[in-house]
Amino acid sequence: MALVALLLVGFAVPSLWGGLAVLPVLLFVGWLAYLSWPSLRLWGRLMRVVLLTFLVLVVADRFVAFTRLLGWF
């Protein structure tokens, strides 16, 4: 339940806090993907790579939105 709440906060808040909220979700999903990788077929591996890529892009988008707010870029 906590991971779902963090993911929803990450989607709803377009700032540094949104990116920080998605980081634990990214780490947990990455850890699960690492543990299950040897037992997966190609489709399962591809889906995990797609999900992790999506989460990394969400975090990057939130951090870039924060740096634009500060005028760094």
PDB file of N, CA and C in Angstrom:
ATOM      1  N   MET A   1       0.816  -1.185   0.000  1.00  0.00           N
ATOM      2  CA  MET A   1       0.000   0.000   0.000  1.00  0.00           C
ATOM      3  C   MET A   1       0.869   1.262   0.000  1.00  0.00           C
ATOM      4  N   ALA A   2       1.976   1.206   0.723  1.00  0.00           N
ATOM      5  CA  ALA A   2       2.846   2.372   0.795  1.00  0.00           C
ATOM      6  C   ALA A   2       3.494   2.667  -0.553  1.00  0.00           C
ATOM      7  N   LEU A   3       3.871   1.621  -1.288  1.00  0.00           N
ATOM      8  CA  LEU A   3       4.483   1.836  -2.593  1.00  0.00           C
ATOM      9  C   LEU A   3       3.501   2.459  -3.578  1.00  0.00           C
ATOM     10  N   VAL A   4       2.250   2.041  -3.501  1.00  0.00           N
ATOM     11  CA  VAL A   4       1.222   2.629  -4.366  1.00  0.00           C
ATOM     12  C   VAL A   4       1.051   4.105  -4.022  1.00  0.00           C
ATOM     13  N   ALA A   5       1.023   4.434  -2.748  1.00  0.00           N
ATOM     14  CA  ALA A   5       0.882   5.833  -2.324  1.00  0.00           C
ATOM     15  C   ALA A   5       2.077   6.662  -2.796  1.00  0.00           C
ATOM     16  N   LEU A   6       3.281   6.113  -2.666  1.00  0.00           N
ATOM     17  CA  LEU A   6       4.466   6.838  -3.122  1.00  0.00           C
ATOM     18  C   LEU A   6       4.437   7.042  -4.636  1.00  0.00           C
ATOM     19  N   LEU A   7       3.999   6.032  -5.370  1.00  0.00           N
ATOM     20  CA  LEU A   7       3.922   6.161  -6.820  1.00  0.00           C
ATOM     21  C   LEU A   7       2.887   7.203  -7.227  1.00  0.00           C
ATOM     22  N   LEU A   8       1.763   7.229  -6.548  1.00  0.00           N
ATOM     23  CA  LEU A   8       0.740   8.238  -6.845  1.00  0.00           C
ATOM     24  C   LEU A   8       1.229   9.645  -6.525  1.00  0.00           C
ATOM     25  N   VAL A   9       1.948   9.788  -5.429  1.00  0.00           N
ATOM     26  CA  VAL A   9       2.530  11.091  -5.091  1.00  0.00           C
ATOM     27  C   VAL A   9       3.538  11.491  -6.164  1.00  0.00           C
ATOM     28  N   GLY A  10       4.332  10.531  -6.612  1.00  0.00           N
ATOM     29  CA  GLY A  10       5.308  10.818  -7.658  1.00  0.00           C
ATOM     30  C   GLY A  10       4.669  11.266  -8.954  1.00  0.00           C
ATOM     31  N   PHE A  11       3.513  10.696  -9.289  1.00  0.00           N
ATOM     32  CA  PHE A  11       2.813  11.114 -10.499  1.00  0.00           C
ATOM     33  C   PHE A  11       2.144  12.473 -10.315  1.00  0.00           C
ATOM     34  N   ALA A  12       1.671  12.759  -9.130  1.00  0.00           N
ATOM     35  CA  ALA A  12       0.876  13.962  -8.900  1.00  0.00           C
ATOM     36  C   ALA A  12       1.720  15.205  -8.644  1.00  0.00           C
ATOM     37  N   VAL A  13       2.909  15.039  -8.099  1.00  0.00           N
ATOM     38  CA  VAL A  13       3.719  16.190  -7.695  1.00  0.00           C
ATOM     39  C   VAL A  13       4.876  16.379  -8.680  1.00  0.00           C
ATOM     40  N   PRO A  14       4.804  17.398  -9.525  1.00  0.00           N
ATOM     41  CA  PRO A  14       5.865  17.611 -10.518  1.00  0.00           C
ATOM     42  C   PRO A  14       7.026  18.443  -9.957  1.00  0.00           C
ATOM     43  N   SER A  15       7.697  17.896  -8.966  1.00  0.00           N
ATOM     44  CA  SER A  15       8.827  18.616  -8.377  1.00  0.00           C
ATOM     45  C   SER A  15       9.808  17.594  -7.818  1.00  0.00           C
ATOM     46  N   LEU A  16      10.773  18.100  -7.098  1.00  0.00           N
ATOM     47  CA  LEU A  16      11.769  17.233  -6.478  1.00  0.00           C
ATOM     48  C   LEU A  16      11.108  16.195  -5.567  1.00  0.00           C
ATOM     49  N   TRP A  17      10.071  16.589  -4.854  1.00  0.00           N
ATOM     50  CA  TRP A  17       9.406  15.672  -3.928  1.00  0.00           C
ATOM     51  C   TRP A  17       8.749  14.525  -4.673  1.00  0.00           C
ATOM     52  N   GLY A  18       8.225  14.777  -5.857  1.00  0.00           N
ATOM     53  CA  GLY A  18       7.654  13.709  -6.670  1.00  0.00           C
ATOM     54  C   GLY A  18       8.719  12.717  -7.103  1.00  0.00           C
ATOM     55  N   GLY A  19       9.875  13.221  -7.486  1.00  0.00           N
ATOM     56  CA  GLY A  19      10.983  12.336  -7.864  1.00  0.00           C
ATOM     57  C   GLY A  19      11.490  11.523  -6.692  1.00  0.00           C
ATOM     58  N   LEU A  20      11.580  12.167  -5.533  1.00  0.00           N
ATOM     59  CA  LEU A  20      12.030  11.444  -4.342  1.00  0.00           C
ATOM     60  C   LEU A  20      11.017  10.392  -3.899  1.00  0.00           C
ATOM     61  N   ALA A  21       9.735  10.633  -4.162  1.00  0.00           N
ATOM     62  CA  ALA A  21       8.707   9.664  -3.793  1.00  0.00           C
ATOM     63  C   ALA A  21       8.775   8.425  -4.679  1.00  0.00           C
ATOM     64  N   VAL A  22       9.182   8.587  -5.928  1.00  0.00           N
ATOM     65  CA  VAL A  22       9.244   7.446  -6.849  1.00  0.00           C
ATOM     66  C   VAL A  22      10.521   6.626  -6.647  1.00  0.00           C
ATOM     67  N   LEU A  23      11.558   7.215  -6.078  1.00  0.00           N
ATOM     68  CA  LEU A  23      12.818   6.493  -5.900  1.00  0.00           C
ATOM     69  C   LEU A  23      12.690   5.185  -5.108  1.00  0.00           C
ATOM     70  N   PRO A  24      11.990   5.128  -3.973  1.00  0.00           N
ATOM     71  CA  PRO A  24      11.852   3.839  -3.281  1.00  0.00           C
ATOM     72  C   PRO A  24      11.100   2.798  -4.119  1.00  0.00           C
ATOM     73  N   VAL A  25      10.139   3.256  -4.898  1.00  0.00           N
ATOM     74  CA  VAL A  25       9.408   2.335  -5.782  1.00  0.00           C
ATOM     75  C   VAL A  25      10.360   1.781  -6.832  1.00  0.00           C
ATOM     76  N   LEU A  26      11.173   2.649  -7.410  1.00  0.00           N
ATOM     77  CA  LEU A  26      12.146   2.225  -8.409  1.00  0.00           C
ATOM     78  C   LEU A  26      13.137   1.223  -7.827  1.00  0.00           C
ATOM     79  N   LEU A  27      13.629   1.501  -6.644  1.00  0.00           N
ATOM     80  CA  LEU A  27      14.583   0.593  -6.006  1.00  0.00           C
ATOM     81  C   LEU A  27      13.956  -0.758  -5.690  1.00  0.00           C
ATOM     82  N   PHE A  28      12.727  -0.763  -5.193  1.00  0.00           N
ATOM     83  CA  PHE A  28      12.059  -2.017  -4.856  1.00  0.00           C
ATOM     84  C   PHE A  28      11.758  -2.848  -6.103  1.00  0.00           C
ATOM     85  N   VAL A  29      11.252  -2.208  -7.131  1.00  0.00           N
ATOM     86  CA  VAL A  29      10.949  -2.931  -8.368  1.00  0.00           C
ATOM     87  C   VAL A  29      12.243  -3.426  -9.019  1.00  0.00           C
ATOM     88  N   GLY A  30      13.295  -2.628  -8.963  1.00  0.00           N
ATOM     89  CA  GLY A  30      14.591  -3.072  -9.482  1.00  0.00           C
ATOM     90  C   GLY A  30      15.136  -4.266  -8.726  1.00  0.00           C
ATOM     91  N   TRP A  31      14.978  -4.262  -7.421  1.00  0.00           N
ATOM     92  CA  TRP A  31      15.426  -5.388  -6.607  1.00  0.00           C
ATOM     93  C   TRP A  31      14.642  -6.657  -6.944  1.00  0.00           C
ATOM     94  N   LEU A  32      13.335  -6.529  -7.082  1.00  0.00           N
ATOM     95  CA  LEU A  32      12.524  -7.691  -7.462  1.00  0.00           C
ATOM     96  C   LEU A  32      12.885  -8.193  -8.853  1.00  0.00           C
ATOM     97  N   ALA A  33      13.143  -7.282  -9.777  1.00  0.00           N
ATOM     98  CA  ALA A  33      13.542  -7.686 -11.127  1.00  0.00           C
ATOM     99  C   ALA A  33      14.878  -8.414 -11.094  1.00  0.00           C
ATOM    100  N   TYR A  34      15.795  -7.937 -10.277  1.00  0.00           N
ATOM    101  CA  TYR A  34      17.098  -8.589 -10.140  1.00  0.00           C
ATOM    102  C   TYR A  34      16.950 -10.005  -9.590  1.00  0.00           C
ATOM    103  N   LEU A  35      16.102 -10.169  -8.582  1.00  0.00           N
ATOM    104  CA  LEU A  35      15.919 -11.492  -7.980  1.00  0.00           C
ATOM    105  C   LEU A  35      15.248 -12.481  -8.930  1.00  0.00           C
ATOM    106  N   SER A  36      14.308 -12.010  -9.729  1.00  0.00           N
ATOM    107  CA  SER A  36      13.554 -12.918 -10.589  1.00  0.00           C
ATOM    108  C   SER A  36      14.162 -13.071 -11.978  1.00  0.00           C
ATOM    109  N   TRP A  37      15.201 -12.325 -12.306  1.00  0.00           N
ATOM    110  CA  TRP A  37      15.753 -12.315 -13.655  1.00  0.00           C
ATOM    111  C   TRP A  37      16.134 -13.709 -14.170  1.00  0.00           C
ATOM    112  N   PRO A  38      16.841 -14.550 -13.404  1.00  0.00           N
ATOM    113  CA  PRO A  38      17.259 -15.845 -13.959  1.00  0.00           C
ATOM    114  C   PRO A  38      16.095 -16.780 -14.332  1.00  0.00           C
ATOM    115  N   SER A  39      14.961 -16.620 -13.692  1.00  0.00           N
ATOM    116  CA  SER A  39      13.852 -17.538 -13.948  1.00  0.00           C
ATOM    117  C   SER A  39      12.885 -17.030 -15.013  1.00  0.00           C
ATOM    118  N   LEU A  40      13.155 -15.883 -15.590  1.00  0.00           N
ATOM    119  CA  LEU A  40      12.227 -15.288 -16.545  1.00  0.00           C
ATOM    120  C   LEU A  40      12.587 -15.644 -17.975  1.00  0.00           C
ATOM    121  N   ARG A  41      11.537 -15.664 -18.793  1.00  0.00           N
ATOM    122  CA  ARG A  41      11.752 -15.798 -20.233  1.00  0.00           C
ATOM    123  C   ARG A  41      11.917 -14.409 -20.827  1.00  0.00           C
ATOM    124  N   LEU A  42      12.077 -14.354 -22.131  1.00  0.00           N
ATOM    125  CA  LEU A  42      12.351 -13.089 -22.812  1.00  0.00           C
ATOM    126  C   LEU A  42      11.257 -12.056 -22.564  1.00  0.00           C
ATOM    127  N   TRP A  43       9.988 -12.450 -22.647  1.00  0.00           N
ATOM    128  CA  TRP A  43       8.884 -11.498 -22.476  1.00  0.00           C
ATOM    129  C   TRP A  43       8.883 -10.899 -21.064  1.00  0.00           C
ATOM    130  N   GLY A  44       9.107 -11.716 -20.060  1.00  0.00           N
ATOM    131  CA  GLY A  44       9.154 -11.222 -18.687  1.00  0.00           C
ATOM    132  C   GLY A  44      10.307 -10.267 -18.462  1.00  0.00           C
ATOM    133  N   ARG A  45      11.460 -10.584 -19.037  1.00  0.00           N
ATOM    134  CA  ARG A  45      12.609  -9.685 -18.912  1.00  0.00           C
ATOM    135  C   ARG A  45      12.346  -8.363 -19.615  1.00  0.00           C
ATOM    136  N   LEU A  46      11.759  -8.436 -20.793  1.00  0.00           N
ATOM    137  CA  LEU A  46      11.461  -7.223 -21.542  1.00  0.00           C
ATOM    138  C   LEU A  46      10.487  -6.329 -20.779  1.00  0.00           C
ATOM    139  N   MET A  47       9.477  -6.920 -20.172  1.00  0.00           N
ATOM    140  CA  MET A  47       8.501  -6.132 -19.415  1.00  0.00           C
ATOM    141  C   MET A  47       9.142  -5.461 -18.198  1.00  0.00           C
ATOM    142  N   ARG A  48      10.051  -6.138 -17.552  1.00  0.00           N
ATOM    143  CA  ARG A  48      10.723  -5.531 -16.402  1.00  0.00           C
ATOM    144  C   ARG A  48      11.646  -4.396 -16.828  1.00  0.00           C
ATOM    145  N   VAL A  49      12.319  -4.561 -17.950  1.00  0.00           N
ATOM    146  CA  VAL A  49      13.169  -3.485 -18.462  1.00  0.00           C
ATOM    147  C   VAL A  49      12.317  -2.275 -18.833  1.00  0.00           C
ATOM    148  N   VAL A  50      11.160  -2.509 -19.463  1.00  0.00           N
ATOM    149  CA  VAL A  50      10.265  -1.414 -19.832  1.00  0.00           C
ATOM    150  C   VAL A  50       9.764  -0.692 -18.577  1.00  0.00           C
ATOM    151  N   LEU A  51       9.366  -1.444 -17.560  1.00  0.00           N
ATOM    152  CA  LEU A  51       8.872  -0.825 -16.327  1.00  0.00           C
ATOM    153  C   LEU A  51       9.956  -0.012 -15.632  1.00  0.00           C
ATOM    154  N   LEU A  52      11.154  -0.566 -15.530  1.00  0.00           N
ATOM    155  CA  LEU A  52      12.243   0.171 -14.881  1.00  0.00           C
ATOM    156  C   LEU A  52      12.618   1.416 -15.677  1.00  0.00           C
ATOM    157  N   THR A  53      12.598   1.319 -17.000  1.00  0.00           N
ATOM    158  CA  THR A  53      12.880   2.488 -17.833  1.00  0.00           C
ATOM    159  C   THR A  53      11.833   3.572 -17.619  1.00  0.00           C
ATOM    160  N   PHE A  54      10.579   3.169 -17.540  1.00  0.00           N
ATOM    161  CA  PHE A  54       9.506   4.126 -17.292  1.00  0.00           C
ATOM    162  C   PHE A  54       9.697   4.833 -15.951  1.00  0.00           C
ATOM    163  N   LEU A  55      10.013   4.078 -14.909  1.00  0.00           N
ATOM    164  CA  LEU A  55      10.204   4.689 -13.592  1.00  0.00           C
ATOM    165  C   LEU A  55      11.413   5.614 -13.561  1.00  0.00           C
ATOM    166  N   VAL A  56      12.487   5.238 -14.247  1.00  0.00           N
ATOM    167  CA  VAL A  56      13.662   6.113 -14.318  1.00  0.00           C
ATOM    168  C   VAL A  56      13.308   7.411 -15.040  1.00  0.00           C
ATOM    169  N   LEU A  57      12.504   7.314 -16.100  1.00  0.00           N
ATOM    170  CA  LEU A  57      12.097   8.518 -16.818  1.00  0.00           C
ATOM    171  C   LEU A  57      11.189   9.407 -15.977  1.00  0.00           C
ATOM    172  N   VAL A  58      10.335   8.809 -15.158  1.00  0.00           N
ATOM    173  CA  VAL A  58       9.486   9.608 -14.260  1.00  0.00           C
ATOM    174  C   VAL A  58      10.354  10.369 -13.257  1.00  0.00           C
ATOM    175  N   VAL A  59      11.310   9.680 -12.657  1.00  0.00           N
ATOM    176  CA  VAL A  59      12.201  10.331 -11.685  1.00  0.00           C
ATOM    177  C   VAL A  59      12.998  11.438 -12.369  1.00  0.00           C
ATOM    178  N   ALA A  60      13.548  11.154 -13.545  1.00  0.00           N
ATOM    179  CA  ALA A  60      14.334  12.164 -14.264  1.00  0.00           C
ATOM    180  C   ALA A  60      13.475  13.367 -14.628  1.00  0.00           C
ATOM    181  N   ASP A  61      12.243  13.120 -15.047  1.00  0.00           N
ATOM    182  CA  ASP A  61      11.346  14.216 -15.388  1.00  0.00           C
ATOM    183  C   ASP A  61      11.059  15.096 -14.180  1.00  0.00           C
ATOM    184  N   ARG A  62      10.855  14.487 -13.031  1.00  0.00           N
ATOM    185  CA  ARG A  62      10.574  15.265 -11.820  1.00  0.00           C
ATOM    186  C   ARG A  62      11.797  16.064 -11.387  1.00  0.00           C
ATOM    187  N   PHE A  63      12.982  15.487 -11.494  1.00  0.00           N
ATOM    188  CA  PHE A  63      14.188  16.222 -11.109  1.00  0.00           C
ATOM    189  C   PHE A  63      14.484  17.358 -12.085  1.00  0.00           C
ATOM    190  N   VAL A  64      14.248  17.140 -13.379  1.00  0.00           N
ATOM    191  CA  VAL A  64      14.462  18.197 -14.361  1.00  0.00           C
ATOM    192  C   VAL A  64      13.462  19.323 -14.140  1.00  0.00           C
ATOM    193  N   ALA A  65      12.213  18.977 -13.805  1.00  0.00           N
ATOM    194  CA  ALA A  65      11.218  20.018 -13.511  1.00  0.00           C
ATOM    195  C   ALA A  65      11.662  20.844 -12.306  1.00  0.00           C
ATOM    196  N   PHE A  66      12.273  20.204 -11.325  1.00  0.00           N
ATOM    197  CA  PHE A  66      12.757  20.927 -10.146  1.00  0.00           C
ATOM    198  C   PHE A  66      13.907  21.860 -10.511  1.00  0.00           C
ATOM    199  N   THR A  67      14.843  21.372 -11.322  1.00  0.00           N
ATOM    200  CA  THR A  67      15.991  22.210 -11.678  1.00  0.00           C
ATOM    201  C   THR A  67      15.562  23.365 -12.583  1.00  0.00           C
ATOM    202  N   ARG A  68      14.538  23.166 -13.403  1.00  0.00           N
ATOM    203  CA  ARG A  68      14.040  24.277 -14.229  1.00  0.00           C
ATOM    204  C   ARG A  68      13.380  25.331 -13.349  1.00  0.00           C
ATOM    205  N   LEU A  69      12.722  24.864 -12.293  1.00  0.00           N
ATOM    206  CA  LEU A  69      12.087  25.798 -11.368  1.00  0.00           C
ATOM    207  C   LEU A  69      13.130  26.684 -10.704  1.00  0.00           C
ATOM    208  N   LEU A  70      14.298  26.103 -10.411  1.00  0.00           N
ATOM    209  CA  LEU A  70      15.373  26.877  -9.797  1.00  0.00           C
ATOM    210  C   LEU A  70      16.164  27.698 -10.807  1.00  0.00           C
ATOM    211  N   GLY A  71      15.951  27.426 -12.100  1.00  0.00           N
ATOM    212  CA  GLY A  71      16.669  28.162 -13.127  1.00  0.00           C
ATOM    213  C   GLY A  71      18.040  27.608 -13.443  1.00  0.00           C
ATOM    214  N   TRP A  72      18.292  26.326 -13.133  1.00  0.00           N
ATOM    215  CA  TRP A  72      19.587  25.727 -13.396  1.00  0.00           C
ATOM    216  C   TRP A  72      19.769  25.362 -14.862  1.00  0.00           C
ATOM    217  N   PHE A  73      18.679  25.124 -15.571  1.00  0.00           N
ATOM    218  CA  PHE A  73      18.776  24.762 -17.000  1.00  0.00           C
ATOM    219  C   PHE A  73      18.052  25.767 -17.835  1.00  0.00           C
TER     220      PHE A  73
END
